[in-house]
Amino acid sequence: SMALVLLLTFALGVVFGLLVSVPPMIGRMRKIAQLKRKVDEQAYDLEAADRKLTEATTQLTALQAVPNPSQIRENPSDLPSATLD
């Protein structure tokens, strides 16, 4: 009879412990899932920004390779002549 009371008390303690600990576990699991989604979104945004930066760098390099129209002279006579005095 005493063993039955102890067993029943132990079982009730286990059930009560589970009832107390499960809701916070569920809350943590939801928070973890939310944070994982946020990390994935930020990783996608970072990759998009990196692609834009690479494209802008490529365009800048291409623009630097093209001479400035104000620096191009149409007539060779426009070139400054070197005079030795």
PDB file of N, CA and C in Angstrom:
ATOM      1  N   SER A   1       0.822  -1.186   0.000  1.00  0.00           N
ATOM      2  CA  SER A   1       0.000   0.000   0.000  1.00  0.00           C
ATOM      3  C   SER A   1       0.871   1.256   0.000  1.00  0.00           C
ATOM      4  N   MET A   2       1.924   1.266   0.808  1.00  0.00           N
ATOM      5  CA  MET A   2       2.824   2.406   0.866  1.00  0.00           C
ATOM      6  C   MET A   2       3.589   2.533  -0.456  1.00  0.00           C
ATOM      7  N   ALA A   3       3.963   1.426  -1.056  1.00  0.00           N
ATOM      8  CA  ALA A   3       4.655   1.447  -2.349  1.00  0.00           C
ATOM      9  C   ALA A   3       3.759   2.034  -3.431  1.00  0.00           C
ATOM     10  N   LEU A   4       2.497   1.731  -3.369  1.00  0.00           N
ATOM     11  CA  LEU A   4       1.547   2.271  -4.335  1.00  0.00           C
ATOM     12  C   LEU A   4       1.413   3.784  -4.182  1.00  0.00           C
ATOM     13  N   VAL A   5       1.369   4.262  -2.962  1.00  0.00           N
ATOM     14  CA  VAL A   5       1.293   5.706  -2.698  1.00  0.00           C
ATOM     15  C   VAL A   5       2.545   6.387  -3.223  1.00  0.00           C
ATOM     16  N   LEU A   6       3.721   5.799  -2.980  1.00  0.00           N
ATOM     17  CA  LEU A   6       4.975   6.378  -3.476  1.00  0.00           C
ATOM     18  C   LEU A   6       5.023   6.382  -4.997  1.00  0.00           C
ATOM     19  N   LEU A   7       4.591   5.313  -5.615  1.00  0.00           N
ATOM     20  CA  LEU A   7       4.565   5.230  -7.077  1.00  0.00           C
ATOM     21  C   LEU A   7       3.613   6.257  -7.678  1.00  0.00           C
ATOM     22  N   LEU A   8       2.453   6.399  -7.065  1.00  0.00           N
ATOM     23  CA  LEU A   8       1.468   7.367  -7.529  1.00  0.00           C
ATOM     24  C   LEU A   8       1.990   8.799  -7.354  1.00  0.00           C
ATOM     25  N   THR A   9       2.630   9.062  -6.237  1.00  0.00           N
ATOM     26  CA  THR A   9       3.204  10.386  -5.986  1.00  0.00           C
ATOM     27  C   THR A   9       4.301  10.697  -7.003  1.00  0.00           C
ATOM     28  N   PHE A  10       5.146   9.714  -7.287  1.00  0.00           N
ATOM     29  CA  PHE A  10       6.207   9.888  -8.287  1.00  0.00           C
ATOM     30  C   PHE A  10       5.609  10.168  -9.657  1.00  0.00           C
ATOM     31  N   ALA A  11       4.582   9.414 -10.048  1.00  0.00           N
ATOM     32  CA  ALA A  11       3.943   9.595 -11.359  1.00  0.00           C
ATOM     33  C   ALA A  11       3.311  10.975 -11.462  1.00  0.00           C
ATOM     34  N   LEU A  12       2.650  11.420 -10.387  1.00  0.00           N
ATOM     35  CA  LEU A  12       2.060  12.762 -10.401  1.00  0.00           C
ATOM     36  C   LEU A  12       3.144  13.842 -10.492  1.00  0.00           C
ATOM     37  N   GLY A  13       4.262  13.623  -9.838  1.00  0.00           N
ATOM     38  CA  GLY A  13       5.376  14.574  -9.920  1.00  0.00           C
ATOM     39  C   GLY A  13       5.921  14.672 -11.338  1.00  0.00           C
ATOM     40  N   VAL A  14       6.040  13.521 -12.017  1.00  0.00           N
ATOM     41  CA  VAL A  14       6.516  13.514 -13.405  1.00  0.00           C
ATOM     42  C   VAL A  14       5.533  14.254 -14.301  1.00  0.00           C
ATOM     43  N   VAL A  15       4.247  13.974 -14.158  1.00  0.00           N
ATOM     44  CA  VAL A  15       3.220  14.633 -14.975  1.00  0.00           C
ATOM     45  C   VAL A  15       3.226  16.133 -14.709  1.00  0.00           C
ATOM     46  N   PHE A  16       3.275  16.524 -13.445  1.00  0.00           N
ATOM     47  CA  PHE A  16       3.294  17.941 -13.110  1.00  0.00           C
ATOM     48  C   PHE A  16       4.547  18.622 -13.668  1.00  0.00           C
ATOM     49  N   GLY A  17       5.674  17.959 -13.553  1.00  0.00           N
ATOM     50  CA  GLY A  17       6.918  18.511 -14.104  1.00  0.00           C
ATOM     51  C   GLY A  17       6.831  18.720 -15.614  1.00  0.00           C
ATOM     52  N   LEU A  18       6.242  17.760 -16.315  1.00  0.00           N
ATOM     53  CA  LEU A  18       6.072  17.902 -17.770  1.00  0.00           C
ATOM     54  C   LEU A  18       5.127  19.059 -18.103  1.00  0.00           C
ATOM     55  N   LEU A  19       4.034  19.165 -17.354  1.00  0.00           N
ATOM     56  CA  LEU A  19       3.086  20.253 -17.603  1.00  0.00           C
ATOM     57  C   LEU A  19       3.721  21.623 -17.384  1.00  0.00           C
ATOM     58  N   VAL A  20       4.644  21.705 -16.458  1.00  0.00           N
ATOM     59  CA  VAL A  20       5.302  22.978 -16.165  1.00  0.00           C
ATOM     60  C   VAL A  20       6.403  23.275 -17.189  1.00  0.00           C
ATOM     61  N   SER A  21       7.090  22.252 -17.654  1.00  0.00           N
ATOM     62  CA  SER A  21       8.255  22.498 -18.518  1.00  0.00           C
ATOM     63  C   SER A  21       7.942  22.518 -20.012  1.00  0.00           C
ATOM     64  N   VAL A  22       6.844  21.956 -20.453  1.00  0.00           N
ATOM     65  CA  VAL A  22       6.553  21.889 -21.894  1.00  0.00           C
ATOM     66  C   VAL A  22       6.248  23.265 -22.500  1.00  0.00           C
ATOM     67  N   PRO A  23       5.407  24.106 -21.900  1.00  0.00           N
ATOM     68  CA  PRO A  23       5.130  25.404 -22.541  1.00  0.00           C
ATOM     69  C   PRO A  23       6.373  26.272 -22.782  1.00  0.00           C
ATOM     70  N   PRO A  24       7.289  26.394 -21.834  1.00  0.00           N
ATOM     71  CA  PRO A  24       8.502  27.167 -22.150  1.00  0.00           C
ATOM     72  C   PRO A  24       9.334  26.529 -23.270  1.00  0.00           C
ATOM     73  N   MET A  25       9.347  25.204 -23.349  1.00  0.00           N
ATOM     74  CA  MET A  25      10.074  24.533 -24.433  1.00  0.00           C
ATOM     75  C   MET A  25       9.465  24.886 -25.777  1.00  0.00           C
ATOM     76  N   ILE A  26       8.133  24.878 -25.833  1.00  0.00           N
ATOM     77  CA  ILE A  26       7.458  25.224 -27.083  1.00  0.00           C
ATOM     78  C   ILE A  26       7.763  26.671 -27.463  1.00  0.00           C
ATOM     79  N   GLY A  27       7.755  27.567 -26.474  1.00  0.00           N
ATOM     80  CA  GLY A  27       8.084  28.970 -26.729  1.00  0.00           C
ATOM     81  C   GLY A  27       9.495  29.131 -27.268  1.00  0.00           C
ATOM     82  N   ARG A  28      10.448  28.411 -26.696  1.00  0.00           N
ATOM     83  CA  ARG A  28      11.838  28.480 -27.175  1.00  0.00           C
ATOM     84  C   ARG A  28      11.958  27.940 -28.598  1.00  0.00           C
ATOM     85  N   MET A  29      11.233  26.852 -28.870  1.00  0.00           N
ATOM     86  CA  MET A  29      11.291  26.280 -30.219  1.00  0.00           C
ATOM     87  C   MET A  29      10.721  27.255 -31.238  1.00  0.00           C
ATOM     88  N   ARG A  30       9.643  27.951 -30.889  1.00  0.00           N
ATOM     89  CA  ARG A  30       9.079  28.961 -31.796  1.00  0.00           C
ATOM     90  C   ARG A  30      10.059  30.106 -32.016  1.00  0.00           C
ATOM     91  N   LYS A  31      10.688  30.563 -30.946  1.00  0.00           N
ATOM     92  CA  LYS A  31      11.656  31.665 -31.049  1.00  0.00           C
ATOM     93  C   LYS A  31      12.843  31.251 -31.916  1.00  0.00           C
ATOM     94  N   ILE A  32      13.313  30.035 -31.746  1.00  0.00           N
ATOM     95  CA  ILE A  32      14.433  29.538 -32.555  1.00  0.00           C
ATOM     96  C   ILE A  32      14.039  29.500 -34.020  1.00  0.00           C
ATOM     97  N   ALA A  33      12.833  29.020 -34.329  1.00  0.00           N
ATOM     98  CA  ALA A  33      12.370  28.966 -35.723  1.00  0.00           C
ATOM     99  C   ALA A  33      12.260  30.370 -36.302  1.00  0.00           C
ATOM    100  N   GLN A  34      11.755  31.311 -35.508  1.00  0.00           N
ATOM    101  CA  GLN A  34      11.633  32.693 -35.972  1.00  0.00           C
ATOM    102  C   GLN A  34      13.003  33.291 -36.257  1.00  0.00           C
ATOM    103  N   LEU A  35      13.959  33.061 -35.377  1.00  0.00           N
ATOM    104  CA  LEU A  35      15.308  33.598 -35.569  1.00  0.00           C
ATOM    105  C   LEU A  35      15.998  32.951 -36.767  1.00  0.00           C
ATOM    106  N   LYS A  36      15.753  31.664 -36.996  1.00  0.00           N
ATOM    107  CA  LYS A  36      16.327  31.005 -38.172  1.00  0.00           C
ATOM    108  C   LYS A  36      15.786  31.612 -39.446  1.00  0.00           C
ATOM    109  N   ARG A  37      14.477  31.897 -39.473  1.00  0.00           N
ATOM    110  CA  ARG A  37      13.890  32.551 -40.652  1.00  0.00           C
ATOM    111  C   ARG A  37      14.512  33.922 -40.872  1.00  0.00           C
ATOM    112  N   LYS A  38      14.713  34.652 -39.795  1.00  0.00           N
ATOM    113  CA  LYS A  38      15.314  35.989 -39.897  1.00  0.00           C
ATOM    114  C   LYS A  38      16.743  35.897 -40.421  1.00  0.00           C
ATOM    115  N   VAL A  39      17.500  34.933 -39.955  1.00  0.00           N
ATOM    116  CA  VAL A  39      18.868  34.735 -40.436  1.00  0.00           C
ATOM    117  C   VAL A  39      18.864  34.400 -41.929  1.00  0.00           C
ATOM    118  N   ASP A  40      17.936  33.535 -42.350  1.00  0.00           N
ATOM    119  CA  ASP A  40      17.845  33.179 -43.769  1.00  0.00           C
ATOM    120  C   ASP A  40      17.504  34.393 -44.619  1.00  0.00           C
ATOM    121  N   GLU A  41      16.570  35.236 -44.146  1.00  0.00           N
ATOM    122  CA  GLU A  41      16.209  36.446 -44.889  1.00  0.00           C
ATOM    123  C   GLU A  41      17.404  37.390 -44.991  1.00  0.00           C
ATOM    124  N   GLN A  42      18.130  37.543 -43.899  1.00  0.00           N
ATOM    125  CA  GLN A  42      19.279  38.447 -43.910  1.00  0.00           C
ATOM    126  C   GLN A  42      20.400  37.894 -44.785  1.00  0.00           C
ATOM    127  N   ALA A  43      20.558  36.588 -44.817  1.00  0.00           N
ATOM    128  CA  ALA A  43      21.567  35.993 -45.697  1.00  0.00           C
ATOM    129  C   ALA A  43      21.192  36.233 -47.150  1.00  0.00           C
ATOM    130  N   TYR A  44      19.906  36.126 -47.480  1.00  0.00           N
ATOM    131  CA  TYR A  44      19.453  36.395 -48.841  1.00  0.00           C
ATOM    132  C   TYR A  44      19.687  37.868 -49.194  1.00  0.00           C
ATOM    133  N   ASP A  45      19.355  38.774 -48.276  1.00  0.00           N
ATOM    134  CA  ASP A  45      19.581  40.203 -48.513  1.00  0.00           C
ATOM    135  C   ASP A  45      21.071  40.500 -48.686  1.00  0.00           C
ATOM    136  N   LEU A  46      21.902  39.848 -47.896  1.00  0.00           N
ATOM    137  CA  LEU A  46      23.345  40.045 -47.997  1.00  0.00           C
ATOM    138  C   LEU A  46      23.872  39.564 -49.345  1.00  0.00           C
ATOM    139  N   GLU A  47      23.375  38.426 -49.808  1.00  0.00           N
ATOM    140  CA  GLU A  47      23.793  37.919 -51.121  1.00  0.00           C
ATOM    141  C   GLU A  47      23.352  38.868 -52.231  1.00  0.00           C
ATOM    142  N   ALA A  48      22.145  39.425 -52.126  1.00  0.00           N
ATOM    143  CA  ALA A  48      21.659  40.380 -53.129  1.00  0.00           C
ATOM    144  C   ALA A  48      22.521  41.639 -53.118  1.00  0.00           C
ATOM    145  N   ALA A  49      22.864  42.129 -51.946  1.00  0.00           N
ATOM    146  CA  ALA A  49      23.723  43.312 -51.843  1.00  0.00           C
ATOM    147  C   ALA A  49      25.109  43.014 -52.400  1.00  0.00           C
ATOM    148  N   ASP A  50      25.610  41.828 -52.158  1.00  0.00           N
ATOM    149  CA  ASP A  50      26.922  41.444 -52.688  1.00  0.00           C
ATOM    150  C   ASP A  50      26.896  41.389 -54.214  1.00  0.00           C
ATOM    151  N   ARG A  51      25.797  40.864 -54.779  1.00  0.00           N
ATOM    152  CA  ARG A  51      25.674  40.834 -56.243  1.00  0.00           C
ATOM    153  C   ARG A  51      25.638  42.246 -56.802  1.00  0.00           C
ATOM    154  N   LYS A  52      24.894  43.152 -56.149  1.00  0.00           N
ATOM    155  CA  LYS A  52      24.827  44.541 -56.602  1.00  0.00           C
ATOM    156  C   LYS A  52      26.200  45.211 -56.516  1.00  0.00           C
ATOM    157  N   LEU A  53      26.917  44.938 -55.437  1.00  0.00           N
ATOM    158  CA  LEU A  53      28.248  45.521 -55.278  1.00  0.00           C
ATOM    159  C   LEU A  53      29.191  45.014 -56.362  1.00  0.00           C
ATOM    160  N   THR A  54      29.124  43.724 -56.668  1.00  0.00           N
ATOM    161  CA  THR A  54      29.968  43.163 -57.719  1.00  0.00           C
ATOM    162  C   THR A  54      29.628  43.783 -59.064  1.00  0.00           C
ATOM    163  N   GLU A  55      28.340  43.953 -59.331  1.00  0.00           N
ATOM    164  CA  GLU A  55      27.915  44.562 -60.596  1.00  0.00           C
ATOM    165  C   GLU A  55      28.376  46.019 -60.672  1.00  0.00           C
ATOM    166  N   ALA A  56      28.243  46.758 -59.585  1.00  0.00           N
ATOM    167  CA  ALA A  56      28.673  48.151 -59.568  1.00  0.00           C
ATOM    168  C   ALA A  56      30.189  48.256 -59.741  1.00  0.00           C
ATOM    169  N   THR A  57      30.917  47.350 -59.111  1.00  0.00           N
ATOM    170  CA  THR A  57      32.373  47.354 -59.253  1.00  0.00           C
ATOM    171  C   THR A  57      32.774  47.061 -60.698  1.00  0.00           C
ATOM    172  N   THR A  58      32.075  46.122 -61.320  1.00  0.00           N
ATOM    173  CA  THR A  58      32.345  45.793 -62.721  1.00  0.00           C
ATOM    174  C   THR A  58      32.058  46.994 -63.610  1.00  0.00           C
ATOM    175  N   GLN A  59      30.944  47.668 -63.373  1.00  0.00           N
ATOM    176  CA  GLN A  59      30.602  48.840 -64.170  1.00  0.00           C
ATOM    177  C   GLN A  59      31.607  49.957 -63.959  1.00  0.00           C
ATOM    178  N   LEU A  60      32.044  50.159 -62.729  1.00  0.00           N
ATOM    179  CA  LEU A  60      33.028  51.196 -62.440  1.00  0.00           C
ATOM    180  C   LEU A  60      34.346  50.892 -63.129  1.00  0.00           C
ATOM    181  N   THR A  61      34.760  49.651 -63.108  1.00  0.00           N
ATOM    182  CA  THR A  61      35.995  49.257 -63.782  1.00  0.00           C
ATOM    183  C   THR A  61      35.879  49.491 -65.279  1.00  0.00           C
ATOM    184  N   ALA A  62      34.718  49.162 -65.837  1.00  0.00           N
ATOM    185  CA  ALA A  62      34.511  49.374 -67.272  1.00  0.00           C
ATOM    186  C   ALA A  62      34.526  50.861 -67.601  1.00  0.00           C
ATOM    187  N   LEU A  63      33.946  51.689 -66.755  1.00  0.00           N
ATOM    188  CA  LEU A  63      33.929  53.133 -66.997  1.00  0.00           C
ATOM    189  C   LEU A  63      35.323  53.734 -66.866  1.00  0.00           C
ATOM    190  N   GLN A  64      36.124  53.208 -65.986  1.00  0.00           N
ATOM    191  CA  GLN A  64      37.478  53.722 -65.812  1.00  0.00           C
ATOM    192  C   GLN A  64      38.356  53.347 -66.997  1.00  0.00           C
ATOM    193  N   ALA A  65      38.021  52.263 -67.689  1.00  0.00           N
ATOM    194  CA  ALA A  65      38.808  51.835 -68.837  1.00  0.00           C
ATOM    195  C   ALA A  65      38.524  52.707 -70.053  1.00  0.00           C
ATOM    196  N   VAL A  66      37.356  53.330 -70.121  1.00  0.00           N
ATOM    197  CA  VAL A  66      36.988  54.196 -71.244  1.00  0.00           C
ATOM    198  C   VAL A  66      37.549  55.584 -70.971  1.00  0.00           C
ATOM    199  N   PRO A  67      38.283  56.172 -71.955  1.00  0.00           N
ATOM    200  CA  PRO A  67      38.833  57.512 -71.722  1.00  0.00           C
ATOM    201  C   PRO A  67      37.720  58.555 -71.633  1.00  0.00           C
ATOM    202  N   ASN A  68      37.993  59.568 -70.874  1.00  0.00           N
ATOM    203  CA  ASN A  68      37.060  60.669 -70.706  1.00  0.00           C
ATOM    204  C   ASN A  68      36.969  61.433 -72.027  1.00  0.00           C
ATOM    205  N   PRO A  69      35.763  61.723 -72.546  1.00  0.00           N
ATOM    206  CA  PRO A  69      35.640  62.426 -73.834  1.00  0.00           C
ATOM    207  C   PRO A  69      36.349  63.774 -73.854  1.00  0.00           C
ATOM    208  N   SER A  70      36.466  64.462 -72.747  1.00  0.00           N
ATOM    209  CA  SER A  70      37.146  65.756 -72.736  1.00  0.00           C
ATOM    210  C   SER A  70      38.656  65.596 -72.879  1.00  0.00           C
ATOM    211  N   GLN A  71      39.159  64.399 -72.646  1.00  0.00           N
ATOM    212  CA  GLN A  71      40.591  64.172 -72.770  1.00  0.00           C
ATOM    213  C   GLN A  71      40.985  63.678 -74.159  1.00  0.00           C
ATOM    214  N   ILE A  72      40.019  63.303 -74.982  1.00  0.00           N
ATOM    215  CA  ILE A  72      40.302  62.809 -76.327  1.00  0.00           C
ATOM    216  C   ILE A  72      40.455  64.007 -77.266  1.00  0.00           C
ATOM    217  N   ARG A  73      41.534  64.031 -78.022  1.00  0.00           N
ATOM    218  CA  ARG A  73      41.758  65.116 -78.979  1.00  0.00           C
ATOM    219  C   ARG A  73      41.543  64.563 -80.372  1.00  0.00           C
ATOM    220  N   GLU A  74      40.826  65.333 -81.144  1.00  0.00           N
ATOM    221  CA  GLU A  74      40.494  64.863 -82.475  1.00  0.00           C
ATOM    222  C   GLU A  74      41.621  65.090 -83.476  1.00  0.00           C
ATOM    223  N   ASN A  75      42.324  66.209 -83.393  1.00  0.00           N
ATOM    224  CA  ASN A  75      43.408  66.510 -84.341  1.00  0.00           C
ATOM    225  C   ASN A  75      44.757  66.291 -83.684  1.00  0.00           C
ATOM    226  N   PRO A  76      45.665  65.641 -84.386  1.00  0.00           N
ATOM    227  CA  PRO A  76      46.999  65.468 -83.811  1.00  0.00           C
ATOM    228  C   PRO A  76      47.701  66.799 -83.637  1.00  0.00           C
ATOM    229  N   SER A  77      47.289  67.826 -84.398  1.00  0.00           N
ATOM    230  CA  SER A  77      47.924  69.119 -84.266  1.00  0.00           C
ATOM    231  C   SER A  77      47.558  69.789 -82.945  1.00  0.00           C
ATOM    232  N   ASP A  78      46.514  69.277 -82.301  1.00  0.00           N
ATOM    233  CA  ASP A  78      46.117  69.822 -81.005  1.00  0.00           C
ATOM    234  C   ASP A  78      47.060  69.400 -79.879  1.00  0.00           C
ATOM    235  N   LEU A  79      47.904  68.426 -80.176  1.00  0.00           N
ATOM    236  CA  LEU A  79      48.830  67.945 -79.148  1.00  0.00           C
ATOM    237  C   LEU A  79      49.862  69.025 -78.872  1.00  0.00           C
ATOM    238  N   PRO A  80      50.223  69.179 -77.654  1.00  0.00           N
ATOM    239  CA  PRO A  80      51.262  70.179 -77.354  1.00  0.00           C
ATOM    240  C   PRO A  80      52.585  69.750 -77.969  1.00  0.00           C
ATOM    241  N   SER A  81      53.249  70.704 -78.557  1.00  0.00           N
ATOM    242  CA  SER A  81      54.525  70.373 -79.195  1.00  0.00           C
ATOM    243  C   SER A  81      55.655  70.603 -78.204  1.00  0.00           C
ATOM    244  N   ALA A  82      56.618  69.768 -78.316  1.00  0.00           N
ATOM    245  CA  ALA A  82      57.778  69.896 -77.413  1.00  0.00           C
ATOM    246  C   ALA A  82      58.801  70.777 -78.106  1.00  0.00           C
ATOM    247  N   THR A  83      59.159  71.814 -77.458  1.00  0.00           N
ATOM    248  CA  THR A  83      60.170  72.723 -78.014  1.00  0.00           C
ATOM    249  C   THR A  83      61.375  72.691 -77.115  1.00  0.00           C
ATOM    250  N   LEU A  84      62.515  72.661 -77.749  1.00  0.00           N
ATOM    251  CA  LEU A  84      63.756  72.663 -77.005  1.00  0.00           C
ATOM    252  C   LEU A  84      64.381  74.036 -77.161  1.00  0.00           C
ATOM    253  N   ASP A  85      64.492  74.747 -76.119  1.00  0.00           N
ATOM    254  CA  ASP A  85      65.108  76.077 -76.166  1.00  0.00           C
ATOM    255  C   ASP A  85      66.429  76.065 -75.498  1.00  0.00           C
TER     256      ASP A  85
END
